[in-house]
Amino acid sequence: MAQRFTLDPFHVLTAPTTASGRELSHCAAQLLDALARGEPDIARYPTPLGERVRDERLVQAAVTELCDREARIVHEVWARLPVRSHREPAPAPAPWRGGDRAFGWRSR
């Protein structure tokens, strides 16, 4: 299920769901050129589960996937979820004071 969120072609291409096939191809070409040049900002993309690593194989697979009309409809639905640019760690729980008494232990 996590792959559904992280490998969505629209997230990989950082393209809107309304983009035409021509616009998606143009976006993919720009990404492939930037990846070939080694631009560090292009190597990561935001997803609903935080940032992920982007490479040439992933960009090409995204364009191929969006060429199928039925698959594209499914990806359009998943791509509408909000994205996060970084994964935030879960807050640490507060310490439980009095837990030793609750379990019948004595304080030392």
PDB file of N, CA and C in Angstrom:
ATOM      1  N   MET A   1       0.823  -1.193   0.000  1.00  0.00           N
ATOM      2  CA  MET A   1       0.000   0.000   0.000  1.00  0.00           C
ATOM      3  C   MET A   1       0.867   1.258   0.000  1.00  0.00           C
ATOM      4  N   ALA A   2       1.994   1.203   0.703  1.00  0.00           N
ATOM      5  CA  ALA A   2       2.863   2.376   0.750  1.00  0.00           C
ATOM      6  C   ALA A   2       3.394   2.726  -0.634  1.00  0.00           C
ATOM      7  N   GLN A   3       3.615   1.706  -1.470  1.00  0.00           N
ATOM      8  CA  GLN A   3       4.102   1.976  -2.824  1.00  0.00           C
ATOM      9  C   GLN A   3       3.079   2.745  -3.642  1.00  0.00           C
ATOM     10  N   ARG A   4       1.809   2.546  -3.346  1.00  0.00           N
ATOM     11  CA  ARG A   4       0.757   3.275  -4.051  1.00  0.00           C
ATOM     12  C   ARG A   4       0.952   4.775  -3.854  1.00  0.00           C
ATOM     13  N   PHE A   5       1.373   5.157  -2.648  1.00  0.00           N
ATOM     14  CA  PHE A   5       1.579   6.574  -2.338  1.00  0.00           C
ATOM     15  C   PHE A   5       2.932   7.080  -2.843  1.00  0.00           C
ATOM     16  N   THR A   6       3.964   6.271  -2.685  1.00  0.00           N
ATOM     17  CA  THR A   6       5.312   6.758  -2.971  1.00  0.00           C
ATOM     18  C   THR A   6       5.736   6.634  -4.422  1.00  0.00           C
ATOM     19  N   LEU A   7       5.151   5.694  -5.154  1.00  0.00           N
ATOM     20  CA  LEU A   7       5.546   5.501  -6.550  1.00  0.00           C
ATOM     21  C   LEU A   7       4.505   6.009  -7.537  1.00  0.00           C
ATOM     22  N   ASP A   8       3.597   6.844  -7.087  1.00  0.00           N
ATOM     23  CA  ASP A   8       2.596   7.401  -7.988  1.00  0.00           C
ATOM     24  C   ASP A   8       3.305   8.223  -9.068  1.00  0.00           C
ATOM     25  N   PRO A   9       3.024   7.961 -10.349  1.00  0.00           N
ATOM     26  CA  PRO A   9       3.727   8.654 -11.427  1.00  0.00           C
ATOM     27  C   PRO A   9       3.615  10.181 -11.380  1.00  0.00           C
ATOM     28  N   PHE A  10       2.481  10.698 -10.931  1.00  0.00           N
ATOM     29  CA  PHE A  10       2.343  12.151 -10.857  1.00  0.00           C
ATOM     30  C   PHE A  10       3.277  12.729  -9.800  1.00  0.00           C
ATOM     31  N   HIS A  11       3.486  12.001  -8.696  1.00  0.00           N
ATOM     32  CA  HIS A  11       4.435  12.458  -7.681  1.00  0.00           C
ATOM     33  C   HIS A  11       5.864  12.356  -8.205  1.00  0.00           C
ATOM     34  N   VAL A  12       6.161  11.247  -8.884  1.00  0.00           N
ATOM     35  CA  VAL A  12       7.514  11.055  -9.425  1.00  0.00           C
ATOM     36  C   VAL A  12       7.856  12.170 -10.404  1.00  0.00           C
ATOM     37  N   LEU A  13       6.900  12.518 -11.263  1.00  0.00           N
ATOM     38  CA  LEU A  13       7.145  13.554 -12.275  1.00  0.00           C
ATOM     39  C   LEU A  13       6.898  14.966 -11.726  1.00  0.00           C
ATOM     40  N   THR A  14       6.337  15.064 -10.550  1.00  0.00           N
ATOM     41  CA  THR A  14       5.952  16.344  -9.945  1.00  0.00           C
ATOM     42  C   THR A  14       5.115  17.136 -10.945  1.00  0.00           C
ATOM     43  N   ALA A  15       4.105  16.453 -11.466  1.00  0.00           N
ATOM     44  CA  ALA A  15       3.239  17.031 -12.493  1.00  0.00           C
ATOM     45  C   ALA A  15       1.799  17.074 -11.981  1.00  0.00           C
ATOM     46  N   PRO A  16       1.022  18.048 -12.443  1.00  0.00           N
ATOM     47  CA  PRO A  16      -0.392  18.083 -12.042  1.00  0.00           C
ATOM     48  C   PRO A  16      -1.178  16.960 -12.720  1.00  0.00           C
ATOM     49  N   THR A  17      -2.278  16.574 -12.105  1.00  0.00           N
ATOM     50  CA  THR A  17      -3.103  15.500 -12.681  1.00  0.00           C
ATOM     51  C   THR A  17      -3.801  15.937 -13.961  1.00  0.00           C
ATOM     52  N   THR A  18      -3.822  17.228 -14.229  1.00  0.00           N
ATOM     53  CA  THR A  18      -4.466  17.743 -15.444  1.00  0.00           C
ATOM     54  C   THR A  18      -3.510  17.827 -16.629  1.00  0.00           C
ATOM     55  N   ALA A  19      -2.260  17.435 -16.429  1.00  0.00           N
ATOM     56  CA  ALA A  19      -1.264  17.549 -17.498  1.00  0.00           C
ATOM     57  C   ALA A  19      -1.589  16.599 -18.652  1.00  0.00           C
ATOM     58  N   SER A  20      -1.378  17.092 -19.856  1.00  0.00           N
ATOM     59  CA  SER A  20      -1.599  16.263 -21.046  1.00  0.00           C
ATOM     60  C   SER A  20      -0.406  15.323 -21.230  1.00  0.00           C
ATOM     61  N   GLY A  21      -0.552  14.392 -22.157  1.00  0.00           N
ATOM     62  CA  GLY A  21       0.544  13.471 -22.446  1.00  0.00           C
ATOM     63  C   GLY A  21       1.787  14.198 -22.925  1.00  0.00           C
ATOM     64  N   ARG A  22       1.587  15.229 -23.706  1.00  0.00           N
ATOM     65  CA  ARG A  22       2.705  16.021 -24.215  1.00  0.00           C
ATOM     66  C   ARG A  22       3.422  16.748 -23.066  1.00  0.00           C
ATOM     67  N   GLU A  23       2.635  17.309 -22.149  1.00  0.00           N
ATOM     68  CA  GLU A  23       3.227  18.007 -21.001  1.00  0.00           C
ATOM     69  C   GLU A  23       3.978  17.033 -20.093  1.00  0.00           C
ATOM     70  N   LEU A  24       3.452  15.831 -19.927  1.00  0.00           N
ATOM     71  CA  LEU A  24       4.130  14.829 -19.111  1.00  0.00           C
ATOM     72  C   LEU A  24       5.453  14.403 -19.741  1.00  0.00           C
ATOM     73  N   SER A  25       5.455  14.244 -21.055  1.00  0.00           N
ATOM     74  CA  SER A  25       6.702  13.886 -21.751  1.00  0.00           C
ATOM     75  C   SER A  25       7.735  14.993 -21.616  1.00  0.00           C
ATOM     76  N   HIS A  26       7.289  16.241 -21.713  1.00  0.00           N
ATOM     77  CA  HIS A  26       8.192  17.386 -21.564  1.00  0.00           C
ATOM     78  C   HIS A  26       8.758  17.434 -20.138  1.00  0.00           C
ATOM     79  N   CYS A  27       7.897  17.207 -19.157  1.00  0.00           N
ATOM     80  CA  CYS A  27       8.328  17.202 -17.760  1.00  0.00           C
ATOM     81  C   CYS A  27       9.347  16.088 -17.521  1.00  0.00           C
ATOM     82  N   ALA A  28       9.081  14.903 -18.068  1.00  0.00           N
ATOM     83  CA  ALA A  28      10.003  13.777 -17.915  1.00  0.00           C
ATOM     84  C   ALA A  28      11.346  14.075 -18.572  1.00  0.00           C
ATOM     85  N   ALA A  29      11.316  14.689 -19.739  1.00  0.00           N
ATOM     86  CA  ALA A  29      12.568  15.033 -20.426  1.00  0.00           C
ATOM     87  C   ALA A  29      13.396  16.015 -19.599  1.00  0.00           C
ATOM     88  N   GLN A  30      12.737  17.002 -18.996  1.00  0.00           N
ATOM     89  CA  GLN A  30      13.448  17.959 -18.148  1.00  0.00           C
ATOM     90  C   GLN A  30      14.048  17.266 -16.928  1.00  0.00           C
ATOM     91  N   LEU A  31      13.285  16.360 -16.315  1.00  0.00           N
ATOM     92  CA  LEU A  31      13.799  15.640 -15.153  1.00  0.00           C
ATOM     93  C   LEU A  31      14.985  14.757 -15.518  1.00  0.00           C
ATOM     94  N   LEU A  32      14.884  14.061 -16.651  1.00  0.00           N
ATOM     95  CA  LEU A  32      15.984  13.195 -17.075  1.00  0.00           C
ATOM     96  C   LEU A  32      17.245  14.003 -17.361  1.00  0.00           C
ATOM     97  N   ASP A  33      17.088  15.172 -17.969  1.00  0.00           N
ATOM     98  CA  ASP A  33      18.244  16.038 -18.221  1.00  0.00           C
ATOM     99  C   ASP A  33      18.869  16.510 -16.911  1.00  0.00           C
ATOM    100  N   ALA A  34      18.023  16.910 -15.965  1.00  0.00           N
ATOM    101  CA  ALA A  34      18.526  17.395 -14.675  1.00  0.00           C
ATOM    102  C   ALA A  34      19.203  16.266 -13.898  1.00  0.00           C
ATOM    103  N   LEU A  35      18.637  15.063 -13.962  1.00  0.00           N
ATOM    104  CA  LEU A  35      19.265  13.928 -13.285  1.00  0.00           C
ATOM    105  C   LEU A  35      20.604  13.579 -13.933  1.00  0.00           C
ATOM    106  N   ALA A  36      20.680  13.685 -15.256  1.00  0.00           N
ATOM    107  CA  ALA A  36      21.941  13.406 -15.957  1.00  0.00           C
ATOM    108  C   ALA A  36      23.016  14.421 -15.583  1.00  0.00           C
ATOM    109  N   ARG A  37      22.595  15.671 -15.344  1.00  0.00           N
ATOM    110  CA  ARG A  37      23.551  16.706 -14.922  1.00  0.00           C
ATOM    111  C   ARG A  37      23.955  16.554 -13.464  1.00  0.00           C
ATOM    112  N   GLY A  38      23.176  15.765 -12.711  1.00  0.00           N
ATOM    113  CA  GLY A  38      23.503  15.534 -11.309  1.00  0.00           C
ATOM    114  C   GLY A  38      22.985  16.594 -10.358  1.00  0.00           C
ATOM    115  N   GLU A  39      21.916  17.274 -10.714  1.00  0.00           N
ATOM    116  CA  GLU A  39      21.360  18.288  -9.823  1.00  0.00           C
ATOM    117  C   GLU A  39      20.800  17.613  -8.574  1.00  0.00           C
ATOM    118  N   PRO A  40      21.268  18.009  -7.400  1.00  0.00           N
ATOM    119  CA  PRO A  40      20.869  17.313  -6.166  1.00  0.00           C
ATOM    120  C   PRO A  40      19.403  17.527  -5.778  1.00  0.00           C
ATOM    121  N   ASP A  41      18.828  18.676  -6.105  1.00  0.00           N
ATOM    122  CA  ASP A  41      17.440  18.944  -5.722  1.00  0.00           C
ATOM    123  C   ASP A  41      16.450  18.084  -6.498  1.00  0.00           C
ATOM    124  N   ILE A  42      16.830  17.634  -7.664  1.00  0.00           N
ATOM    125  CA  ILE A  42      15.944  16.841  -8.514  1.00  0.00           C
ATOM    126  C   ILE A  42      15.925  15.383  -8.078  1.00  0.00           C
ATOM    127  N   ALA A  43      16.914  14.947  -7.336  1.00  0.00           N
ATOM    128  CA  ALA A  43      17.037  13.545  -6.957  1.00  0.00           C
ATOM    129  C   ALA A  43      15.991  13.107  -5.932  1.00  0.00           C
ATOM    130  N   ARG A  44      15.226  14.023  -5.362  1.00  0.00           N
ATOM    131  CA  ARG A  44      14.190  13.680  -4.380  1.00  0.00           C
ATOM    132  C   ARG A  44      12.869  14.314  -4.787  1.00  0.00           C
ATOM    133  N   TYR A  45      11.770  13.650  -4.439  1.00  0.00           N
ATOM    134  CA  TYR A  45      10.440  14.175  -4.759  1.00  0.00           C
ATOM    135  C   TYR A  45       9.509  13.942  -3.572  1.00  0.00           C
ATOM    136  N   PRO A  46       8.539  14.854  -3.356  1.00  0.00           N
ATOM    137  CA  PRO A  46       7.628  14.718  -2.215  1.00  0.00           C
ATOM    138  C   PRO A  46       6.491  13.731  -2.491  1.00  0.00           C
ATOM    139  N   THR A  47       6.086  12.998  -1.451  1.00  0.00           N
ATOM    140  CA  THR A  47       4.946  12.083  -1.508  1.00  0.00           C
ATOM    141  C   THR A  47       4.122  12.273  -0.239  1.00  0.00           C
ATOM    142  N   PRO A  48       2.948  11.674  -0.153  1.00  0.00           N
ATOM    143  CA  PRO A  48       2.179  11.774   1.092  1.00  0.00           C
ATOM    144  C   PRO A  48       2.889  11.141   2.286  1.00  0.00           C
ATOM    145  N   LEU A  49       3.856  10.256   2.041  1.00  0.00           N
ATOM    146  CA  LEU A  49       4.595   9.608   3.125  1.00  0.00           C
ATOM    147  C   LEU A  49       5.988  10.181   3.310  1.00  0.00           C
ATOM    148  N   GLY A  50       6.258  11.345   2.782  1.00  0.00           N
ATOM    149  CA  GLY A  50       7.570  11.973   2.904  1.00  0.00           C
ATOM    150  C   GLY A  50       8.352  11.890   1.604  1.00  0.00           C
ATOM    151  N   GLU A  51       9.557  12.430   1.613  1.00  0.00           N
ATOM    152  CA  GLU A  51      10.372  12.464   0.392  1.00  0.00           C
ATOM    153  C   GLU A  51      10.897  11.085   0.022  1.00  0.00           C
ATOM    154  N   ARG A  52      11.053  10.872  -1.283  1.00  0.00           N
ATOM    155  CA  ARG A  52      11.620   9.641  -1.823  1.00  0.00           C
ATOM    156  C   ARG A  52      12.679   9.981  -2.861  1.00  0.00           C
ATOM    157  N   VAL A  53      13.504   8.990  -3.203  1.00  0.00           N
ATOM    158  CA  VAL A  53      14.588   9.184  -4.166  1.00  0.00           C
ATOM    159  C   VAL A  53      14.064   8.934  -5.576  1.00  0.00           C
ATOM    160  N   ARG A  54      14.452   9.812  -6.495  1.00  0.00           N
ATOM    161  CA  ARG A  54      14.038   9.712  -7.903  1.00  0.00           C
ATOM    162  C   ARG A  54      15.266   9.371  -8.739  1.00  0.00           C
ATOM    163  N   ASP A  55      15.119   8.447  -9.702  1.00  0.00           N
ATOM    164  CA  ASP A  55      16.199   8.132 -10.635  1.00  0.00           C
ATOM    165  C   ASP A  55      15.624   8.020 -12.049  1.00  0.00           C
ATOM    166  N   GLU A  56      16.503   7.804 -13.031  1.00  0.00           N
ATOM    167  CA  GLU A  56      16.082   7.766 -14.427  1.00  0.00           C
ATOM    168  C   GLU A  56      15.074   6.656 -14.692  1.00  0.00           C
ATOM    169  N   ARG A  57      15.314   5.481 -14.111  1.00  0.00           N
ATOM    170  CA  ARG A  57      14.423   4.338 -14.306  1.00  0.00           C
ATOM    171  C   ARG A  57      13.019   4.648 -13.798  1.00  0.00           C
ATOM    172  N   LEU A  58      12.941   5.315 -12.660  1.00  0.00           N
ATOM    173  CA  LEU A  58      11.651   5.652 -12.064  1.00  0.00           C
ATOM    174  C   LEU A  58      10.884   6.667 -12.916  1.00  0.00           C
ATOM    175  N   VAL A  59      11.596   7.643 -13.474  1.00  0.00           N
ATOM    176  CA  VAL A  59      10.957   8.647 -14.333  1.00  0.00           C
ATOM    177  C   VAL A  59      10.414   7.996 -15.600  1.00  0.00           C
ATOM    178  N   GLN A  60      11.188   7.136 -16.217  1.00  0.00           N
ATOM    179  CA  GLN A  60      10.738   6.471 -17.433  1.00  0.00           C
ATOM    180  C   GLN A  60       9.549   5.542 -17.158  1.00  0.00           C
ATOM    181  N   ALA A  61       9.567   4.850 -16.029  1.00  0.00           N
ATOM    182  CA  ALA A  61       8.451   3.976 -15.666  1.00  0.00           C
ATOM    183  C   ALA A  61       7.176   4.793 -15.417  1.00  0.00           C
ATOM    184  N   ALA A  62       7.335   5.982 -14.841  1.00  0.00           N
ATOM    185  CA  ALA A  62       6.169   6.840 -14.574  1.00  0.00           C
ATOM    186  C   ALA A  62       5.504   7.280 -15.871  1.00  0.00           C
ATOM    187  N   VAL A  63       6.298   7.689 -16.851  1.00  0.00           N
ATOM    188  CA  VAL A  63       5.738   8.119 -18.138  1.00  0.00           C
ATOM    189  C   VAL A  63       5.049   6.950 -18.832  1.00  0.00           C
ATOM    190  N   THR A  64       5.663   5.789 -18.798  1.00  0.00           N
ATOM    191  CA  THR A  64       5.067   4.607 -19.418  1.00  0.00           C
ATOM    192  C   THR A  64       3.738   4.248 -18.747  1.00  0.00           C
ATOM    193  N   GLU A  65       3.696   4.323 -17.435  1.00  0.00           N
ATOM    194  CA  GLU A  65       2.470   3.997 -16.696  1.00  0.00           C
ATOM    195  C   GLU A  65       1.337   4.952 -17.042  1.00  0.00           C
ATOM    196  N   LEU A  66       1.647   6.234 -17.213  1.00  0.00           N
ATOM    197  CA  LEU A  66       0.605   7.216 -17.496  1.00  0.00           C
ATOM    198  C   LEU A  66       0.112   7.169 -18.939  1.00  0.00           C
ATOM    199  N   CYS A  67       0.775   6.414 -19.791  1.00  0.00           N
ATOM    200  CA  CYS A  67       0.291   6.255 -21.170  1.00  0.00           C
ATOM    201  C   CYS A  67      -0.940   5.357 -21.227  1.00  0.00           C
ATOM    202  N   ASP A  68      -1.109   4.485 -20.232  1.00  0.00           N
ATOM    203  CA  ASP A  68      -2.287   3.618 -20.151  1.00  0.00           C
ATOM    204  C   ASP A  68      -3.431   4.414 -19.532  1.00  0.00           C
ATOM    205  N   ARG A  69      -4.524   4.586 -20.272  1.00  0.00           N
ATOM    206  CA  ARG A  69      -5.626   5.453 -19.821  1.00  0.00           C
ATOM    207  C   ARG A  69      -6.270   4.960 -18.524  1.00  0.00           C
ATOM    208  N   GLU A  70      -6.493   3.667 -18.399  1.00  0.00           N
ATOM    209  CA  GLU A  70      -7.130   3.132 -17.200  1.00  0.00           C
ATOM    210  C   GLU A  70      -6.236   3.282 -15.980  1.00  0.00           C
ATOM    211  N   ALA A  71      -4.948   3.029 -16.143  1.00  0.00           N
ATOM    212  CA  ALA A  71      -4.010   3.190 -15.026  1.00  0.00           C
ATOM    213  C   ALA A  71      -3.900   4.659 -14.637  1.00  0.00           C
ATOM    214  N   ARG A  72      -3.953   5.533 -15.617  1.00  0.00           N
ATOM    215  CA  ARG A  72      -3.840   6.962 -15.327  1.00  0.00           C
ATOM    216  C   ARG A  72      -4.986   7.447 -14.435  1.00  0.00           C
ATOM    217  N   ILE A  73      -6.193   6.960 -14.676  1.00  0.00           N
ATOM    218  CA  ILE A  73      -7.340   7.372 -13.862  1.00  0.00           C
ATOM    219  C   ILE A  73      -7.108   7.013 -12.400  1.00  0.00           C
ATOM    220  N   VAL A  74      -6.612   5.820 -12.157  1.00  0.00           N
ATOM    221  CA  VAL A  74      -6.331   5.388 -10.784  1.00  0.00           C
ATOM    222  C   VAL A  74      -5.259   6.274 -10.160  1.00  0.00           C
ATOM    223  N   HIS A  75      -4.208   6.560 -10.909  1.00  0.00           N
ATOM    224  CA  HIS A  75      -3.127   7.395 -10.392  1.00  0.00           C
ATOM    225  C   HIS A  75      -3.589   8.831 -10.139  1.00  0.00           C
ATOM    226  N   GLU A  76      -4.517   9.311 -10.930  1.00  0.00           N
ATOM    227  CA  GLU A  76      -5.039  10.662 -10.708  1.00  0.00           C
ATOM    228  C   GLU A  76      -5.729  10.766  -9.353  1.00  0.00           C
ATOM    229  N   VAL A  77      -6.449   9.731  -8.976  1.00  0.00           N
ATOM    230  CA  VAL A  77      -7.127   9.734  -7.675  1.00  0.00           C
ATOM    231  C   VAL A  77      -6.104   9.734  -6.542  1.00  0.00           C
ATOM    232  N   TRP A  78      -5.114   8.865  -6.621  1.00  0.00           N
ATOM    233  CA  TRP A  78      -4.110   8.777  -5.560  1.00  0.00           C
ATOM    234  C   TRP A  78      -3.236  10.018  -5.493  1.00  0.00           C
ATOM    235  N   ALA A  79      -3.012  10.664  -6.620  1.00  0.00           N
ATOM    236  CA  ALA A  79      -2.127  11.834  -6.650  1.00  0.00           C
ATOM    237  C   ALA A  79      -2.756  13.060  -6.003  1.00  0.00           C
ATOM    238  N   ARG A  80      -4.042  13.041  -5.774  1.00  0.00           N
ATOM    239  CA  ARG A  80      -4.713  14.192  -5.169  1.00  0.00           C
ATOM    240  C   ARG A  80      -4.493  14.289  -3.664  1.00  0.00           C
ATOM    241  N   LEU A  81      -3.882  13.280  -3.067  1.00  0.00           N
ATOM    242  CA  LEU A  81      -3.601  13.340  -1.634  1.00  0.00           C
ATOM    243  C   LEU A  81      -2.518  14.372  -1.355  1.00  0.00           C
ATOM    244  N   PRO A  82      -2.582  15.060  -0.224  1.00  0.00           N
ATOM    245  CA  PRO A  82      -1.557  16.070   0.082  1.00  0.00           C
ATOM    246  C   PRO A  82      -0.193  15.418   0.283  1.00  0.00           C
ATOM    247  N   VAL A  83       0.848  16.144  -0.085  1.00  0.00           N
ATOM    248  CA  VAL A  83       2.212  15.617   0.032  1.00  0.00           C
ATOM    249  C   VAL A  83       2.966  16.329   1.148  1.00  0.00           C
ATOM    250  N   ARG A  84       3.981  15.632   1.660  1.00  0.00           N
ATOM    251  CA  ARG A  84       4.868  16.210   2.660  1.00  0.00           C
ATOM    252  C   ARG A  84       6.279  16.166   2.092  1.00  0.00           C
ATOM    253  N   SER A  85       7.003  17.246   2.258  1.00  0.00           N
ATOM    254  CA  SER A  85       8.353  17.282   1.703  1.00  0.00           C
ATOM    255  C   SER A  85       9.361  16.556   2.581  1.00  0.00           C
ATOM    256  N   HIS A  86       9.049  16.350   3.848  1.00  0.00           N
ATOM    257  CA  HIS A  86       9.927  15.573   4.711  1.00  0.00           C
ATOM    258  C   HIS A  86       9.086  14.814   5.724  1.00  0.00           C
ATOM    259  N   ARG A  87       9.631  13.726   6.185  1.00  0.00           N
ATOM    260  CA  ARG A  87       8.907  12.887   7.129  1.00  0.00           C
ATOM    261  C   ARG A  87       9.203  13.375   8.539  1.00  0.00           C
ATOM    262  N   GLU A  88       8.149  13.663   9.266  1.00  0.00           N
ATOM    263  CA  GLU A  88       8.301  14.137  10.632  1.00  0.00           C
ATOM    264  C   GLU A  88       8.257  12.954  11.580  1.00  0.00           C
ATOM    265  N   PRO A  89       9.211  12.880  12.515  1.00  0.00           N
ATOM    266  CA  PRO A  89       9.179  11.768  13.461  1.00  0.00           C
ATOM    267  C   PRO A  89       7.993  11.900  14.410  1.00  0.00           C
ATOM    268  N   ALA A  90       7.502  10.776  14.854  1.00  0.00           N
ATOM    269  CA  ALA A  90       6.386  10.788  15.800  1.00  0.00           C
ATOM    270  C   ALA A  90       6.871  11.358  17.128  1.00  0.00           C
ATOM    271  N   PRO A  91       6.046  12.158  17.788  1.00  0.00           N
ATOM    272  CA  PRO A  91       6.475  12.719  19.064  1.00  0.00           C
ATOM    273  C   PRO A  91       6.650  11.618  20.104  1.00  0.00           C
ATOM    274  N   ALA A  92       7.649  11.773  20.930  1.00  0.00           N
ATOM    275  CA  ALA A  92       7.903  10.795  21.987  1.00  0.00           C
ATOM    276  C   ALA A  92       6.822  10.913  23.050  1.00  0.00           C
ATOM    277  N   PRO A  93       6.364   9.787  23.570  1.00  0.00           N
ATOM    278  CA  PRO A  93       5.338   9.870  24.609  1.00  0.00           C
ATOM    279  C   PRO A  93       5.922  10.466  25.887  1.00  0.00           C
ATOM    280  N   ALA A  94       5.075  11.136  26.627  1.00  0.00           N
ATOM    281  CA  ALA A  94       5.507  11.722  27.897  1.00  0.00           C
ATOM    282  C   ALA A  94       5.775  10.601  28.891  1.00  0.00           C
ATOM    283  N   PRO A  95       6.735  10.776  29.775  1.00  0.00           N
ATOM    284  CA  PRO A  95       7.003   9.730  30.759  1.00  0.00           C
ATOM    285  C   PRO A  95       5.802   9.554  31.690  1.00  0.00           C
ATOM    286  N   TRP A  96       5.582   8.324  32.115  1.00  0.00           N
ATOM    287  CA  TRP A  96       4.451   8.025  32.978  1.00  0.00           C
ATOM    288  C   TRP A  96       4.920   8.037  34.420  1.00  0.00           C
ATOM    289  N   ARG A  97       4.528   9.056  35.103  1.00  0.00           N
ATOM    290  CA  ARG A  97       4.915   9.164  36.508  1.00  0.00           C
ATOM    291  C   ARG A  97       3.916   8.372  37.340  1.00  0.00           C
ATOM    292  N   GLY A  98       4.411   7.653  38.286  1.00  0.00           N
ATOM    293  CA  GLY A  98       3.549   6.846  39.136  1.00  0.00           C
ATOM    294  C   GLY A  98       3.296   5.463  38.576  1.00  0.00           C
ATOM    295  N   GLY A  99       3.963   5.119  37.486  1.00  0.00           N
ATOM    296  CA  GLY A  99       3.786   3.803  36.893  1.00  0.00           C
ATOM    297  C   GLY A  99       4.266   2.696  37.801  1.00  0.00           C
ATOM    298  N   ASP A 100       5.349   2.977  38.565  1.00  0.00           N
ATOM    299  CA  ASP A 100       5.867   1.951  39.475  1.00  0.00           C
ATOM    300  C   ASP A 100       4.844   1.596  40.545  1.00  0.00           C
ATOM    301  N   ARG A 101       4.142   2.585  41.047  1.00  0.00           N
ATOM    302  CA  ARG A 101       3.097   2.314  42.042  1.00  0.00           C
ATOM    303  C   ARG A 101       1.925   1.565  41.426  1.00  0.00           C
ATOM    304  N   ALA A 102       1.587   1.920  40.183  1.00  0.00           N
ATOM    305  CA  ALA A 102       0.459   1.266  39.530  1.00  0.00           C
ATOM    306  C   ALA A 102       0.706  -0.228  39.355  1.00  0.00           C
ATOM    307  N   PHE A 103       1.960  -0.621  39.184  1.00  0.00           N
ATOM    308  CA  PHE A 103       2.302  -2.028  39.024  1.00  0.00           C
ATOM    309  C   PHE A 103       2.709  -2.678  40.344  1.00  0.00           C
ATOM    310  N   GLY A 104       2.602  -1.947  41.453  1.00  0.00           N
ATOM    311  CA  GLY A 104       2.917  -2.510  42.758  1.00  0.00           C
ATOM    312  C   GLY A 104       4.389  -2.489  43.090  1.00  0.00           C
ATOM    313  N   TRP A 105       5.165  -1.704  42.372  1.00  0.00           N
ATOM    314  CA  TRP A 105       6.596  -1.604  42.658  1.00  0.00           C
ATOM    315  C   TRP A 105       6.831  -0.445  43.600  1.00  0.00           C
ATOM    316  N   ARG A 106       7.898  -0.543  44.320  1.00  0.00           N
ATOM    317  CA  ARG A 106       8.264   0.554  45.207  1.00  0.00           C
ATOM    318  C   ARG A 106       9.357   1.370  44.556  1.00  0.00           C
ATOM    319  N   SER A 107       9.368   2.644  44.882  1.00  0.00           N
ATOM    320  CA  SER A 107      10.455   3.508  44.411  1.00  0.00           C
ATOM    321  C   SER A 107      11.702   3.204  45.203  1.00  0.00           C
ATOM    322  N   ARG A 108      12.845   3.324  44.606  1.00  0.00           N
ATOM    323  CA  ARG A 108      14.104   3.097  45.327  1.00  0.00           C
ATOM    324  C   ARG A 108      14.634   4.370  45.873  1.00  0.00           C
TER     325      ARG A 108
END
